[in-house]
């Protein structure tokens, strides 16, 4: 399943962070493994809000907003570059989710 995620992630990462039309969804274990293995991202402490968790590779690196679904899958809702520790506030997660809601 990783090659499928890699292809989907490659397509998604070429788009601006807020331009994603559809989320990329995979079993949670595979989605998390892909973020760790391919992007070097880890969960950002304190950013769990309503089933959403921000992942980041480090300051100035990539970040991903992951949604955890009740069916055991996780979906990439938004992603970008140039992570800053100041970006991991609940306000950013709320803004990303609100922006995603206005696109549909």
PDB file of N, CA and C in Angstrom:
ATOM      1  N   UNK A   1       0.823  -1.189   0.000  1.00  0.00           N
ATOM      2  CA  UNK A   1       0.000   0.000   0.000  1.00  0.00           C
ATOM      3  C   UNK A   1       0.869   1.255   0.000  1.00  0.00           C
ATOM      4  N   UNK A   2       2.117   1.158   0.446  1.00  0.00           N
ATOM      5  CA  UNK A   2       2.981   2.332   0.487  1.00  0.00           C
ATOM      6  C   UNK A   2       3.201   2.952  -0.889  1.00  0.00           C
ATOM      7  N   UNK A   3       3.391   2.163  -1.964  1.00  0.00           N
ATOM      8  CA  UNK A   3       3.560   2.804  -3.266  1.00  0.00           C
ATOM      9  C   UNK A   3       2.358   3.657  -3.656  1.00  0.00           C
ATOM     10  N   UNK A   4       1.155   3.223  -3.306  1.00  0.00           N
ATOM     11  CA  UNK A   4      -0.034   4.009  -3.597  1.00  0.00           C
ATOM     12  C   UNK A   4       0.012   5.329  -2.847  1.00  0.00           C
ATOM     13  N   UNK A   5       0.385   5.284  -1.569  1.00  0.00           N
ATOM     14  CA  UNK A   5       0.478   6.515  -0.788  1.00  0.00           C
ATOM     15  C   UNK A   5       1.572   7.410  -1.341  1.00  0.00           C
ATOM     16  N   UNK A   6       2.678   6.810  -1.751  1.00  0.00           N
ATOM     17  CA  UNK A   6       3.780   7.613  -2.297  1.00  0.00           C
ATOM     18  C   UNK A   6       3.329   8.354  -3.543  1.00  0.00           C
ATOM     19  N   UNK A   7       2.619   7.670  -4.423  1.00  0.00           N
ATOM     20  CA  UNK A   7       2.133   8.324  -5.640  1.00  0.00           C
ATOM     21  C   UNK A   7       1.136   9.424  -5.294  1.00  0.00           C
ATOM     22  N   UNK A   8       0.213   9.126  -4.385  1.00  0.00           N
ATOM     23  CA  UNK A   8      -0.779  10.124  -3.983  1.00  0.00           C
ATOM     24  C   UNK A   8      -0.095  11.291  -3.283  1.00  0.00           C
ATOM     25  N   UNK A   9       0.854  10.994  -2.420  1.00  0.00           N
ATOM     26  CA  UNK A   9       1.559  12.048  -1.692  1.00  0.00           C
ATOM     27  C   UNK A   9       2.362  12.926  -2.647  1.00  0.00           C
ATOM     28  N   UNK A  10       2.962  12.314  -3.665  1.00  0.00           N
ATOM     29  CA  UNK A  10       3.723  13.087  -4.634  1.00  0.00           C
ATOM     30  C   UNK A  10       2.815  14.073  -5.361  1.00  0.00           C
ATOM     31  N   UNK A  11       1.639  13.616  -5.742  1.00  0.00           N
ATOM     32  CA  UNK A  11       0.690  14.503  -6.416  1.00  0.00           C
ATOM     33  C   UNK A  11       0.241  15.607  -5.473  1.00  0.00           C
ATOM     34  N   UNK A  12      -0.095  15.237  -4.248  1.00  0.00           N
ATOM     35  CA  UNK A  12      -0.604  16.201  -3.282  1.00  0.00           C
ATOM     36  C   UNK A  12       0.456  17.223  -2.900  1.00  0.00           C
ATOM     37  N   UNK A  13       1.701  16.794  -2.754  1.00  0.00           N
ATOM     38  CA  UNK A  13       2.746  17.722  -2.320  1.00  0.00           C
ATOM     39  C   UNK A  13       3.129  18.708  -3.402  1.00  0.00           C
ATOM     40  N   UNK A  14       2.741  18.476  -4.627  1.00  0.00           N
ATOM     41  CA  UNK A  14       3.034  19.450  -5.672  1.00  0.00           C
ATOM     42  C   UNK A  14       2.006  20.567  -5.717  1.00  0.00           C
ATOM     43  N   UNK A  15       0.926  20.436  -4.933  1.00  0.00           N
ATOM     44  CA  UNK A  15      -0.113  21.452  -4.864  1.00  0.00           C
ATOM     45  C   UNK A  15       0.144  22.383  -3.693  1.00  0.00           C
ATOM     46  N   UNK A  16      -0.334  23.621  -3.750  1.00  0.00           N
ATOM     47  CA  UNK A  16      -0.237  24.500  -2.584  1.00  0.00           C
ATOM     48  C   UNK A  16      -0.971  23.888  -1.400  1.00  0.00           C
ATOM     49  N   UNK A  17      -0.596  24.263  -0.205  1.00  0.00           N
ATOM     50  CA  UNK A  17      -1.151  23.649   1.004  1.00  0.00           C
ATOM     51  C   UNK A  17      -2.667  23.723   1.069  1.00  0.00           C
ATOM     52  N   UNK A  18      -3.263  24.787   0.586  1.00  0.00           N
ATOM     53  CA  UNK A  18      -4.706  24.940   0.718  1.00  0.00           C
ATOM     54  C   UNK A  18      -5.455  24.567  -0.549  1.00  0.00           C
ATOM     55  N   UNK A  19      -4.776  24.036  -1.553  1.00  0.00           N
ATOM     56  CA  UNK A  19      -5.416  23.759  -2.827  1.00  0.00           C
ATOM     57  C   UNK A  19      -5.883  22.317  -2.962  1.00  0.00           C
ATOM     58  N   UNK A  20      -5.664  21.496  -1.953  1.00  0.00           N
ATOM     59  CA  UNK A  20      -6.085  20.115  -2.025  1.00  0.00           C
ATOM     60  C   UNK A  20      -7.588  20.023  -2.190  1.00  0.00           C
ATOM     61  N   UNK A  21      -8.031  19.345  -3.227  1.00  0.00           N
ATOM     62  CA  UNK A  21      -9.458  19.153  -3.441  1.00  0.00           C
ATOM     63  C   UNK A  21      -9.976  17.996  -2.594  1.00  0.00           C
ATOM     64  N   UNK A  22      -9.217  16.911  -2.533  1.00  0.00           N
ATOM     65  CA  UNK A  22      -9.637  15.740  -1.783  1.00  0.00           C
ATOM     66  C   UNK A  22      -8.517  15.273  -0.874  1.00  0.00           C
ATOM     67  N   UNK A  23      -8.913  14.743   0.257  1.00  0.00           N
ATOM     68  CA  UNK A  23      -7.934  14.218   1.207  1.00  0.00           C
ATOM     69  C   UNK A  23      -7.414  12.870   0.715  1.00  0.00           C
ATOM     70  N   UNK A  24      -6.162  12.565   1.044  1.00  0.00           N
ATOM     71  CA  UNK A  24      -5.577  11.258   0.780  1.00  0.00           C
ATOM     72  C   UNK A  24      -5.782  10.441   2.048  1.00  0.00           C
ATOM     73  N   UNK A  25      -6.515   9.337   1.954  1.00  0.00           N
ATOM     74  CA  UNK A  25      -6.837   8.525   3.122  1.00  0.00           C
ATOM     75  C   UNK A  25      -6.232   7.129   3.000  1.00  0.00           C
ATOM     76  N   UNK A  26      -5.685   6.651   4.113  1.00  0.00           N
ATOM     77  CA  UNK A  26      -5.085   5.321   4.211  1.00  0.00           C
ATOM     78  C   UNK A  26      -5.339   4.782   5.604  1.00  0.00           C
ATOM     79  N   UNK A  27      -5.123   3.473   5.813  1.00  0.00           N
ATOM     80  CA  UNK A  27      -5.151   2.979   7.191  1.00  0.00           C
ATOM     81  C   UNK A  27      -4.166   3.798   8.034  1.00  0.00           C
ATOM     82  N   UNK A  28      -4.574   4.139   9.237  1.00  0.00           N
ATOM     83  CA  UNK A  28      -3.780   5.022  10.096  1.00  0.00           C
ATOM     84  C   UNK A  28      -2.329   4.584  10.227  1.00  0.00           C
ATOM     85  N   UNK A  29      -2.103   3.301  10.451  1.00  0.00           N
ATOM     86  CA  UNK A  29      -0.737   2.804  10.626  1.00  0.00           C
ATOM     87  C   UNK A  29       0.118   3.093   9.391  1.00  0.00           C
ATOM     88  N   UNK A  30      -0.446   2.923   8.206  1.00  0.00           N
ATOM     89  CA  UNK A  30       0.297   3.186   6.976  1.00  0.00           C
ATOM     90  C   UNK A  30       0.523   4.675   6.758  1.00  0.00           C
ATOM     91  N   UNK A  31      -0.480   5.486   7.042  1.00  0.00           N
ATOM     92  CA  UNK A  31      -0.340   6.931   6.881  1.00  0.00           C
ATOM     93  C   UNK A  31       0.754   7.468   7.801  1.00  0.00           C
ATOM     94  N   UNK A  32       0.732   7.049   9.064  1.00  0.00           N
ATOM     95  CA  UNK A  32       1.752   7.510  10.013  1.00  0.00           C
ATOM     96  C   UNK A  32       3.136   7.022   9.617  1.00  0.00           C
ATOM     97  N   UNK A  33       3.244   5.760   9.187  1.00  0.00           N
ATOM     98  CA  UNK A  33       4.542   5.219   8.772  1.00  0.00           C
ATOM     99  C   UNK A  33       5.092   5.992   7.578  1.00  0.00           C
ATOM    100  N   UNK A  34       4.230   6.366   6.649  1.00  0.00           N
ATOM    101  CA  UNK A  34       4.673   7.124   5.483  1.00  0.00           C
ATOM    102  C   UNK A  34       5.187   8.502   5.891  1.00  0.00           C
ATOM    103  N   UNK A  35       4.496   9.163   6.814  1.00  0.00           N
ATOM    104  CA  UNK A  35       4.951  10.480   7.268  1.00  0.00           C
ATOM    105  C   UNK A  35       6.315  10.385   7.940  1.00  0.00           C
ATOM    106  N   UNK A  36       6.513   9.340   8.733  1.00  0.00           N
ATOM    107  CA  UNK A  36       7.789   9.152   9.426  1.00  0.00           C
ATOM    108  C   UNK A  36       8.889   8.747   8.442  1.00  0.00           C
ATOM    109  N   UNK A  37       8.617   7.707   7.640  1.00  0.00           N
ATOM    110  CA  UNK A  37       9.641   7.141   6.754  1.00  0.00           C
ATOM    111  C   UNK A  37      10.036   8.069   5.616  1.00  0.00           C
ATOM    112  N   UNK A  38       9.073   8.690   4.969  1.00  0.00           N
ATOM    113  CA  UNK A  38       9.366   9.454   3.760  1.00  0.00           C
ATOM    114  C   UNK A  38       9.597  10.933   4.003  1.00  0.00           C
ATOM    115  N   UNK A  39       8.967  11.482   5.035  1.00  0.00           N
ATOM    116  CA  UNK A  39       9.099  12.924   5.262  1.00  0.00           C
ATOM    117  C   UNK A  39       9.823  13.263   6.556  1.00  0.00           C
ATOM    118  N   UNK A  40      10.068  12.270   7.393  1.00  0.00           N
ATOM    119  CA  UNK A  40      10.733  12.523   8.660  1.00  0.00           C
ATOM    120  C   UNK A  40       9.865  13.305   9.628  1.00  0.00           C
ATOM    121  N   UNK A  41       8.552  13.258   9.425  1.00  0.00           N
ATOM    122  CA  UNK A  41       7.644  14.001  10.294  1.00  0.00           C
ATOM    123  C   UNK A  41       7.255  13.181  11.515  1.00  0.00           C
ATOM    124  N   UNK A  42       7.025  13.876  12.613  1.00  0.00           N
ATOM    125  CA  UNK A  42       6.558  13.276  13.851  1.00  0.00           C
ATOM    126  C   UNK A  42       5.410  14.123  14.392  1.00  0.00           C
ATOM    127  N   UNK A  43       4.584  13.557  15.267  1.00  0.00           N
ATOM    128  CA  UNK A  43       3.478  14.346  15.820  1.00  0.00           C
ATOM    129  C   UNK A  43       3.989  15.548  16.601  1.00  0.00           C
ATOM    130  N   UNK A  44       3.272  16.642  16.475  1.00  0.00           N
ATOM    131  CA  UNK A  44       3.600  17.853  17.224  1.00  0.00           C
ATOM    132  C   UNK A  44       2.813  17.796  18.524  1.00  0.00           C
ATOM    133  N   UNK A  45       3.509  17.778  19.636  1.00  0.00           N
ATOM    134  CA  UNK A  45       2.865  17.670  20.944  1.00  0.00           C
ATOM    135  C   UNK A  45       1.855  18.789  21.156  1.00  0.00           C
ATOM    136  N   UNK A  46       0.709  18.418  21.692  1.00  0.00           N
ATOM    137  CA  UNK A  46      -0.286  19.410  22.059  1.00  0.00           C
ATOM    138  C   UNK A  46      -1.218  19.832  20.948  1.00  0.00           C
ATOM    139  N   UNK A  47      -1.115  19.228  19.778  1.00  0.00           N
ATOM    140  CA  UNK A  47      -1.945  19.658  18.667  1.00  0.00           C
ATOM    141  C   UNK A  47      -3.081  18.691  18.326  1.00  0.00           C
ATOM    142  N   UNK A  48      -3.471  17.846  19.251  1.00  0.00           N
ATOM    143  CA  UNK A  48      -4.607  16.970  18.992  1.00  0.00           C
ATOM    144  C   UNK A  48      -5.869  17.767  19.274  1.00  0.00           C
ATOM    145  N   UNK A  49      -6.700  17.920  18.255  1.00  0.00           N
ATOM    146  CA  UNK A  49      -7.942  18.670  18.418  1.00  0.00           C
ATOM    147  C   UNK A  49      -9.023  18.036  17.552  1.00  0.00           C
ATOM    148  N   UNK A  50     -10.067  17.542  18.176  1.00  0.00           N
ATOM    149  CA  UNK A  50     -11.199  16.975  17.446  1.00  0.00           C
ATOM    150  C   UNK A  50     -10.789  15.942  16.406  1.00  0.00           C
ATOM    151  N   UNK A  51      -9.888  15.035  16.756  1.00  0.00           N
ATOM    152  CA  UNK A  51      -9.478  13.982  15.835  1.00  0.00           C
ATOM    153  C   UNK A  51      -8.464  14.410  14.790  1.00  0.00           C
ATOM    154  N   UNK A  52      -7.840  15.557  14.961  1.00  0.00           N
ATOM    155  CA  UNK A  52      -6.839  16.061  14.026  1.00  0.00           C
ATOM    156  C   UNK A  52      -5.499  16.198  14.748  1.00  0.00           C
ATOM    157  N   UNK A  53      -4.428  15.902  14.036  1.00  0.00           N
ATOM    158  CA  UNK A  53      -3.098  16.009  14.628  1.00  0.00           C
ATOM    159  C   UNK A  53      -2.134  16.581  13.604  1.00  0.00           C
ATOM    160  N   UNK A  54      -1.361  17.567  14.028  1.00  0.00           N
ATOM    161  CA  UNK A  54      -0.349  18.172  13.175  1.00  0.00           C
ATOM    162  C   UNK A  54       0.939  17.356  13.304  1.00  0.00           C
ATOM    163  N   UNK A  55       1.554  17.060  12.168  1.00  0.00           N
ATOM    164  CA  UNK A  55       2.842  16.383  12.105  1.00  0.00           C
ATOM    165  C   UNK A  55       3.829  17.357  11.466  1.00  0.00           C
ATOM    166  N   UNK A  56       5.098  17.326  11.888  1.00  0.00           N
ATOM    167  CA  UNK A  56       6.103  18.206  11.291  1.00  0.00           C
ATOM    168  C   UNK A  56       7.477  17.545  11.330  1.00  0.00           C
ATOM    169  N   UNK A  57       8.302  17.901  10.350  1.00  0.00           N
ATOM    170  CA  UNK A  57       9.650  17.353  10.257  1.00  0.00           C
ATOM    171  C   UNK A  57      10.658  18.172  11.053  1.00  0.00           C
ATOM    172  N   UNK A  58      10.321  19.385  11.406  1.00  0.00           N
ATOM    173  CA  UNK A  58      11.225  20.240  12.154  1.00  0.00           C
ATOM    174  C   UNK A  58      11.124  21.673  11.643  1.00  0.00           C
ATOM    175  N   UNK A  59      11.772  22.570  12.323  1.00  0.00           N
ATOM    176  CA  UNK A  59      11.712  23.987  11.959  1.00  0.00           C
ATOM    177  C   UNK A  59      12.200  24.168  10.520  1.00  0.00           C
ATOM    178  N   UNK A  60      11.372  24.852   9.733  1.00  0.00           N
ATOM    179  CA  UNK A  60      11.699  25.106   8.335  1.00  0.00           C
ATOM    180  C   UNK A  60      11.442  23.933   7.405  1.00  0.00           C
ATOM    181  N   UNK A  61      10.923  22.863   7.936  1.00  0.00           N
ATOM    182  CA  UNK A  61      10.692  21.648   7.155  1.00  0.00           C
ATOM    183  C   UNK A  61       9.203  21.486   6.833  1.00  0.00           C
ATOM    184  N   UNK A  62       8.827  20.311   6.339  1.00  0.00           N
ATOM    185  CA  UNK A  62       7.444  20.039   5.955  1.00  0.00           C
ATOM    186  C   UNK A  62       6.551  19.812   7.170  1.00  0.00           C
ATOM    187  N   UNK A  63       5.233  20.019   6.946  1.00  0.00           N
ATOM    188  CA  UNK A  63       4.223  19.732   7.967  1.00  0.00           C
ATOM    189  C   UNK A  63       2.992  19.165   7.275  1.00  0.00           C
ATOM    190  N   UNK A  64       2.212  18.376   8.039  1.00  0.00           N
ATOM    191  CA  UNK A  64       1.002  17.741   7.519  1.00  0.00           C
ATOM    192  C   UNK A  64      -0.066  17.757   8.594  1.00  0.00           C
ATOM    193  N   UNK A  65      -1.303  18.106   8.223  1.00  0.00           N
ATOM    194  CA  UNK A  65      -2.443  18.009   9.125  1.00  0.00           C
ATOM    195  C   UNK A  65      -3.157  16.706   8.802  1.00  0.00           C
ATOM    196  N   UNK A  66      -3.206  15.799   9.780  1.00  0.00           N
ATOM    197  CA  UNK A  66      -3.798  14.476   9.600  1.00  0.00           C
ATOM    198  C   UNK A  66      -5.086  14.381  10.395  1.00  0.00           C
ATOM    199  N   UNK A  67      -6.117  13.835   9.769  1.00  0.00           N
ATOM    200  CA  UNK A  67      -7.405  13.615  10.413  1.00  0.00           C
ATOM    201  C   UNK A  67      -7.527  12.131  10.732  1.00  0.00           C
ATOM    202  N   UNK A  68      -7.894  11.811  11.955  1.00  0.00           N
ATOM    203  CA  UNK A  68      -8.060  10.429  12.378  1.00  0.00           C
ATOM    204  C   UNK A  68      -9.544  10.080  12.361  1.00  0.00           C
ATOM    205  N   UNK A  69      -9.914   9.132  11.513  1.00  0.00           N
ATOM    206  CA  UNK A  69     -11.313   8.753  11.334  1.00  0.00           C
ATOM    207  C   UNK A  69     -11.680   7.570  12.219  1.00  0.00           C
ATOM    208  N   UNK A  70     -12.965   7.436  12.529  1.00  0.00           N
ATOM    209  CA  UNK A  70     -13.460   6.366  13.401  1.00  0.00           C
ATOM    210  C   UNK A  70     -13.276   4.978  12.784  1.00  0.00           C
ATOM    211  N   UNK A  71     -13.180   4.896  11.462  1.00  0.00           N
ATOM    212  CA  UNK A  71     -13.051   3.594  10.802  1.00  0.00           C
ATOM    213  C   UNK A  71     -11.618   3.075  10.747  1.00  0.00           C
ATOM    214  N   UNK A  72     -10.680   3.770  11.413  1.00  0.00           N
ATOM    215  CA  UNK A  72      -9.286   3.316  11.451  1.00  0.00           C
ATOM    216  C   UNK A  72      -8.427   3.861  10.332  1.00  0.00           C
ATOM    217  N   UNK A  73      -8.972   4.773   9.554  1.00  0.00           N
ATOM    218  CA  UNK A  73      -8.175   5.416   8.515  1.00  0.00           C
ATOM    219  C   UNK A  73      -7.781   6.812   8.973  1.00  0.00           C
ATOM    220  N   UNK A  74      -6.789   7.361   8.307  1.00  0.00           N
ATOM    221  CA  UNK A  74      -6.373   8.741   8.543  1.00  0.00           C
ATOM    222  C   UNK A  74      -6.261   9.416   7.196  1.00  0.00           C
ATOM    223  N   UNK A  75      -6.595  10.703   7.173  1.00  0.00           N
ATOM    224  CA  UNK A  75      -6.622  11.454   5.922  1.00  0.00           C
ATOM    225  C   UNK A  75      -5.751  12.697   6.028  1.00  0.00           C
ATOM    226  N   UNK A  76      -4.984  12.960   4.977  1.00  0.00           N
ATOM    227  CA  UNK A  76      -4.173  14.165   4.881  1.00  0.00           C
ATOM    228  C   UNK A  76      -5.079  15.304   4.450  1.00  0.00           C
ATOM    229  N   UNK A  77      -5.272  16.283   5.323  1.00  0.00           N
ATOM    230  CA  UNK A  77      -6.167  17.398   5.021  1.00  0.00           C
ATOM    231  C   UNK A  77      -5.447  18.607   4.450  1.00  0.00           C
ATOM    232  N   UNK A  78      -4.223  18.836   4.904  1.00  0.00           N
ATOM    233  CA  UNK A  78      -3.434  19.970   4.421  1.00  0.00           C
ATOM    234  C   UNK A  78      -1.968  19.675   4.702  1.00  0.00           C
ATOM    235  N   UNK A  79      -1.105  20.305   3.941  1.00  0.00           N
ATOM    236  CA  UNK A  79       0.329  20.157   4.176  1.00  0.00           C
ATOM    237  C   UNK A  79       1.052  21.339   3.583  1.00  0.00           C
ATOM    238  N   UNK A  80       2.276  21.518   4.036  1.00  0.00           N
ATOM    239  CA  UNK A  80       3.040  22.656   3.555  1.00  0.00           C
ATOM    240  C   UNK A  80       4.498  22.552   3.938  1.00  0.00           C
ATOM    241  N   UNK A  81       5.196  23.631   3.760  1.00  0.00           N
ATOM    242  CA  UNK A  81       6.630  23.723   4.055  1.00  0.00           C
ATOM    243  C   UNK A  81       6.873  24.828   5.071  1.00  0.00           C
ATOM    244  N   UNK A  82       8.117  24.927   5.504  1.00  0.00           N
ATOM    245  CA  UNK A  82       8.565  25.992   6.414  1.00  0.00           C
ATOM    246  C   UNK A  82       7.855  25.964   7.754  1.00  0.00           C
ATOM    247  N   UNK A  83       7.818  24.796   8.378  1.00  0.00           N
ATOM    248  CA  UNK A  83       7.199  24.649   9.699  1.00  0.00           C
ATOM    249  C   UNK A  83       7.887  25.554  10.708  1.00  0.00           C
ATOM    250  N   UNK A  84       7.101  26.152  11.561  1.00  0.00           N
ATOM    251  CA  UNK A  84       7.600  26.958  12.668  1.00  0.00           C
ATOM    252  C   UNK A  84       6.877  26.507  13.924  1.00  0.00           C
ATOM    253  N   UNK A  85       7.560  26.431  15.053  1.00  0.00           N
ATOM    254  CA  UNK A  85       6.886  26.021  16.287  1.00  0.00           C
ATOM    255  C   UNK A  85       5.694  26.921  16.616  1.00  0.00           C
ATOM    256  N   UNK A  86       5.704  28.136  16.126  1.00  0.00           N
ATOM    257  CA  UNK A  86       4.603  29.058  16.391  1.00  0.00           C
ATOM    258  C   UNK A  86       3.369  28.720  15.571  1.00  0.00           C
ATOM    259  N   UNK A  87       3.515  27.831  14.574  1.00  0.00           N
ATOM    260  CA  UNK A  87       2.391  27.458  13.719  1.00  0.00           C
ATOM    261  C   UNK A  87       1.536  26.335  14.279  1.00  0.00           C
ATOM    262  N   UNK A  88       1.952  25.711  15.367  1.00  0.00           N
ATOM    263  CA  UNK A  88       1.233  24.522  15.822  1.00  0.00           C
ATOM    264  C   UNK A  88       0.113  24.825  16.811  1.00  0.00           C
ATOM    265  N   UNK A  89      -0.354  26.034  16.841  1.00  0.00           N
ATOM    266  CA  UNK A  89      -1.428  26.388  17.763  1.00  0.00           C
ATOM    267  C   UNK A  89      -2.759  25.847  17.268  1.00  0.00           C
ATOM    268  N   UNK A  90      -3.712  25.754  18.170  1.00  0.00           N
ATOM    269  CA  UNK A  90      -5.052  25.324  17.805  1.00  0.00           C
ATOM    270  C   UNK A  90      -5.658  26.265  16.769  1.00  0.00           C
ATOM    271  N   UNK A  91      -5.254  27.518  16.763  1.00  0.00           N
ATOM    272  CA  UNK A  91      -5.775  28.484  15.794  1.00  0.00           C
ATOM    273  C   UNK A  91      -5.413  28.077  14.367  1.00  0.00           C
ATOM    274  N   UNK A  92      -4.200  27.545  14.147  1.00  0.00           N
ATOM    275  CA  UNK A  92      -3.805  27.118  12.810  1.00  0.00           C
ATOM    276  C   UNK A  92      -4.652  25.938  12.363  1.00  0.00           C
ATOM    277  N   UNK A  93      -4.827  24.956  13.232  1.00  0.00           N
ATOM    278  CA  UNK A  93      -5.644  23.793  12.892  1.00  0.00           C
ATOM    279  C   UNK A  93      -7.058  24.245  12.560  1.00  0.00           C
ATOM    280  N   UNK A  94      -7.620  25.136  13.365  1.00  0.00           N
ATOM    281  CA  UNK A  94      -8.964  25.651  13.120  1.00  0.00           C
ATOM    282  C   UNK A  94      -9.027  26.377  11.776  1.00  0.00           C
ATOM    283  N   UNK A  95      -8.012  27.195  11.479  1.00  0.00           N
ATOM    284  CA  UNK A  95      -7.989  27.919  10.222  1.00  0.00           C
ATOM    285  C   UNK A  95      -7.907  26.970   9.031  1.00  0.00           C
ATOM    286  N   UNK A  96      -7.039  25.953   9.118  1.00  0.00           N
ATOM    287  CA  UNK A  96      -6.898  25.000   8.025  1.00  0.00           C
ATOM    288  C   UNK A  96      -8.200  24.244   7.787  1.00  0.00           C
ATOM    289  N   UNK A  97      -8.853  23.844   8.853  1.00  0.00           N
ATOM    290  CA  UNK A  97     -10.111  23.118   8.717  1.00  0.00           C
ATOM    291  C   UNK A  97     -11.210  24.010   8.160  1.00  0.00           C
ATOM    292  N   UNK A  98     -11.243  25.260   8.586  1.00  0.00           N
ATOM    293  CA  UNK A  98     -12.248  26.194   8.070  1.00  0.00           C
ATOM    294  C   UNK A  98     -12.009  26.467   6.594  1.00  0.00           C
ATOM    295  N   UNK A  99     -10.740  26.642   6.206  1.00  0.00           N
ATOM    296  CA  UNK A  99     -10.412  26.880   4.805  1.00  0.00           C
ATOM    297  C   UNK A  99     -10.805  25.692   3.954  1.00  0.00           C
ATOM    298  N   UNK A 100     -10.566  24.517   4.455  1.00  0.00           N
ATOM    299  CA  UNK A 100     -10.925  23.293   3.727  1.00  0.00           C
ATOM    300  C   UNK A 100     -12.435  23.220   3.542  1.00  0.00           C
ATOM    301  N   UNK A 101     -13.189  23.640   4.531  1.00  0.00           N
ATOM    302  CA  UNK A 101     -14.635  23.626   4.445  1.00  0.00           C
ATOM    303  C   UNK A 101     -15.186  24.584   3.414  1.00  0.00           C
ATOM    304  N   UNK A 102     -14.469  25.668   3.145  1.00  0.00           N
ATOM    305  CA  UNK A 102     -14.954  26.656   2.187  1.00  0.00           C
ATOM    306  C   UNK A 102     -14.626  26.279   0.753  1.00  0.00           C
ATOM    307  N   UNK A 103     -13.756  25.284   0.571  1.00  0.00           N
ATOM    308  CA  UNK A 103     -13.374  24.881  -0.782  1.00  0.00           C
ATOM    309  C   UNK A 103     -14.374  23.925  -1.405  1.00  0.00           C
ATOM    310  N   UNK A 104     -15.105  23.190  -0.574  1.00  0.00           N
ATOM    311  CA  UNK A 104     -15.965  22.130  -1.088  1.00  0.00           C
ATOM    312  C   UNK A 104     -17.249  22.551  -1.610  1.00  0.00           C
TER     313      UNK A 104
END
